[in-house]
Protein backbone atom coordinates (compact mmCIF):
# COMPACT_ATOMS: atom_id res chain seq x y z
CA UNK A 1 96.83 -12.37 118.91
CA UNK A 2 95.57 -8.96 117.80
CA UNK A 3 95.61 -6.49 120.60
CA UNK A 4 92.93 -3.81 120.51
CA UNK A 5 94.23 -0.25 120.69
CA UNK A 6 93.67 1.66 123.88
CA UNK A 7 91.33 4.66 123.87
CA UNK A 8 94.38 6.93 123.98
CA UNK A 9 95.98 5.16 120.99
CA UNK A 10 92.73 5.38 119.03
CA UNK A 11 92.40 9.10 119.82
CA UNK A 12 96.02 9.72 118.78
CA UNK A 13 95.45 7.77 115.57
CA UNK A 14 92.41 9.95 114.80
CA UNK A 15 94.43 13.10 115.48
CA UNK A 16 97.27 11.92 113.25
CA UNK A 17 94.76 11.15 110.49
CA UNK A 18 93.09 14.57 110.86
CA UNK A 19 96.41 16.38 110.64
CA UNK A 20 97.40 14.34 107.56
CA UNK A 21 94.06 15.14 105.86
CA UNK A 22 94.42 18.86 106.62
CA UNK A 23 98.04 18.93 105.40
CA UNK A 24 97.07 17.14 102.19
CA UNK A 25 94.21 19.58 101.56
CA UNK A 26 96.46 22.57 102.26
CA UNK A 27 99.18 21.31 99.93
CA UNK A 28 96.69 20.65 97.13
CA UNK A 29 95.28 24.17 97.52
CA UNK A 30 98.77 25.57 97.09
CA UNK A 31 98.28 28.92 98.76
CA UNK A 32 96.40 30.81 101.41
CA UNK A 33 92.90 29.61 102.09
CA UNK A 34 90.46 32.37 101.22
CA UNK A 35 86.67 32.34 101.33
CA UNK A 36 86.28 31.10 97.74
CA UNK A 37 88.90 28.41 98.23
CA UNK A 38 87.15 27.17 101.36
CA UNK A 39 83.81 27.01 99.59
CA UNK A 40 85.42 24.94 96.80
CA UNK A 41 87.09 22.73 99.40
CA UNK A 42 83.66 21.87 100.83
CA UNK A 43 82.91 20.12 97.51
CA UNK A 44 86.04 17.92 97.74
CA UNK A 45 84.88 14.59 99.23
CA UNK A 46 88.48 13.60 99.97
CA UNK A 47 88.52 16.46 102.51
CA UNK A 48 84.88 16.90 103.55
CA UNK A 49 83.37 13.45 103.59
CA UNK A 50 79.71 14.50 103.48
CA UNK A 51 77.89 17.41 101.82
CA UNK A 52 78.22 20.59 103.89
CA UNK A 53 76.40 23.79 103.08
CA UNK A 54 76.89 27.15 104.77
CA UNK A 55 74.12 29.48 105.85
CA UNK A 56 74.40 32.80 107.64
CA UNK A 57 71.57 32.52 110.13
CA UNK A 58 71.62 32.95 113.92
CA UNK A 59 68.29 31.22 114.60
CA UNK A 60 69.66 27.75 115.52
CA UNK A 61 72.63 29.15 117.48
CA UNK A 62 72.77 28.95 121.25
CA UNK A 63 73.67 32.13 123.15
CA UNK A 64 77.37 32.84 122.66
CA UNK A 65 77.78 30.50 119.68
CA UNK A 66 79.26 31.88 116.47
CA UNK A 67 78.30 28.77 114.49
CA UNK A 68 76.82 25.30 114.75
CA UNK A 69 76.42 22.35 112.42
CA UNK A 70 73.16 20.45 111.99
CA UNK A 71 72.39 17.23 110.19
CA UNK A 72 69.99 17.41 107.25
CA UNK A 73 68.74 13.85 107.62
CA UNK A 74 69.00 10.48 109.26
CA UNK A 75 72.27 9.50 107.59
CA UNK A 76 75.43 11.62 107.25
CA UNK A 77 75.24 11.22 103.47
CA UNK A 78 72.08 13.39 103.62
CA UNK A 79 74.45 16.24 104.40
CA UNK A 80 74.89 18.99 106.94
CA UNK A 81 74.29 22.71 107.23
CA UNK A 82 76.76 24.95 108.99
CA UNK A 83 74.94 27.93 110.46
CA UNK A 84 77.25 30.90 110.98
CA UNK A 85 76.21 34.03 112.83
CA UNK A 86 75.27 36.65 110.23
CA UNK A 87 77.53 39.25 111.84
CA UNK A 88 80.42 37.39 110.12
CA UNK A 89 78.87 37.11 106.66
CA UNK A 90 81.00 39.88 105.18
CA UNK A 91 84.18 39.13 107.14
CA UNK A 92 85.86 37.14 104.38
CA UNK A 93 89.10 36.57 106.31
CA UNK A 94 87.24 34.75 109.10
CA UNK A 95 85.02 32.48 107.00
CA UNK A 96 87.73 29.84 106.30
CA UNK A 97 88.68 29.74 109.99
CA UNK A 98 85.09 29.32 111.13
CA UNK A 99 84.24 26.65 108.56
CA UNK A 100 87.46 24.66 109.07
CA UNK A 101 86.64 24.18 112.75
CA UNK A 102 83.48 22.20 111.92
CA UNK A 103 84.84 19.90 109.20
CA UNK A 104 86.06 17.21 111.67
CA UNK A 105 82.63 16.96 113.30
CA UNK A 106 81.06 16.45 109.85
CA UNK A 107 83.67 13.86 108.88
CA UNK A 108 83.97 11.96 112.17
CA UNK A 109 80.88 12.77 114.19
CA UNK A 110 80.98 12.82 117.96
CA UNK A 111 84.43 11.22 118.21
CA UNK A 112 85.92 14.50 117.01
CA UNK A 113 86.28 16.91 119.93
CA UNK A 114 87.35 20.53 120.05
CA UNK A 115 90.96 19.29 120.10
CA UNK A 116 90.58 17.63 116.69
CA UNK A 117 88.68 20.65 115.37
CA UNK A 118 91.47 22.99 116.43
CA UNK A 119 94.17 20.68 115.01
CA UNK A 120 92.40 20.41 111.68
CA UNK A 121 91.66 24.11 111.35
CA UNK A 122 95.13 25.26 112.36
CA UNK A 123 96.83 22.73 110.10
CA UNK A 124 94.59 23.47 107.12
CA UNK A 125 95.17 27.21 107.48
CA UNK A 126 98.88 26.89 108.26
CA UNK A 127 98.78 28.62 111.63
CA UNK A 128 99.71 27.60 115.16
CA UNK A 129 97.00 25.81 117.16
CA UNK A 130 97.29 28.38 119.97
CA UNK A 131 96.85 31.25 117.49
CA UNK A 132 93.85 29.53 115.90
CA UNK A 133 92.29 28.97 119.31
CA UNK A 134 92.85 32.63 120.24
CA UNK A 135 91.12 33.77 117.04
CA UNK A 136 88.13 31.51 117.70
CA UNK A 137 87.91 32.82 121.28
CA UNK A 138 87.94 36.37 119.96
CA UNK A 139 85.12 35.51 117.56
CA UNK A 140 83.10 33.98 120.40
CA UNK A 141 83.74 37.07 122.52
CA UNK A 142 82.45 39.25 119.67
CA UNK A 143 79.17 37.30 119.62
CA UNK A 144 78.91 37.59 123.42
CA UNK A 145 79.56 41.36 123.40
CA UNK A 146 76.20 43.10 124.06
CA UNK A 147 77.32 46.15 122.04
CA UNK A 148 77.29 43.95 118.90
CA UNK A 149 73.73 42.69 119.40
CA UNK A 150 71.93 45.45 117.51
CA UNK A 151 73.95 45.05 114.31
CA UNK A 152 73.77 41.26 114.53
CA UNK A 153 70.02 41.31 115.07
CA UNK A 154 69.46 43.40 111.95
CA UNK A 155 71.23 40.80 109.84
CA UNK A 156 69.40 37.81 111.33
CA UNK A 157 66.42 38.24 109.07
CA UNK A 158 68.43 37.58 105.93
CA UNK A 159 68.55 33.92 105.03
CA UNK A 160 70.91 32.47 102.49
CA UNK A 161 70.83 29.06 100.86
């Protein structure tokens, strides 16, 4: 008799799979993940299951969000767009960290929570999960800081494919 896995076992299996995928991608890259490397990684369907484009545009973001991902159609194969706050467009060191966080939600949909996103991003980038989380919190705080609003607003008008 086949016993169905518990919800906890299924979640742990997903997490193990996500870590394995991130480790494999990191090993194949063979070095630090820079902006160009991350953009190339988005084309690798063994890592990012569905097409994912990046656009620096704050319009679809909720207050306090540094990025969000939106579906481009009815089916995941239609692809996704990751909108990143334009204040980060020229911060090359952050781009891989911000993008990596959203790859699990593109690959696995709603079953991937912030825990899986943090595991994937930290593993892919070769840093501790706590350190990755702290960086993401700092990025979110930057978006929430009212003193950054004027510079961010100026960049919002520029749209990139």
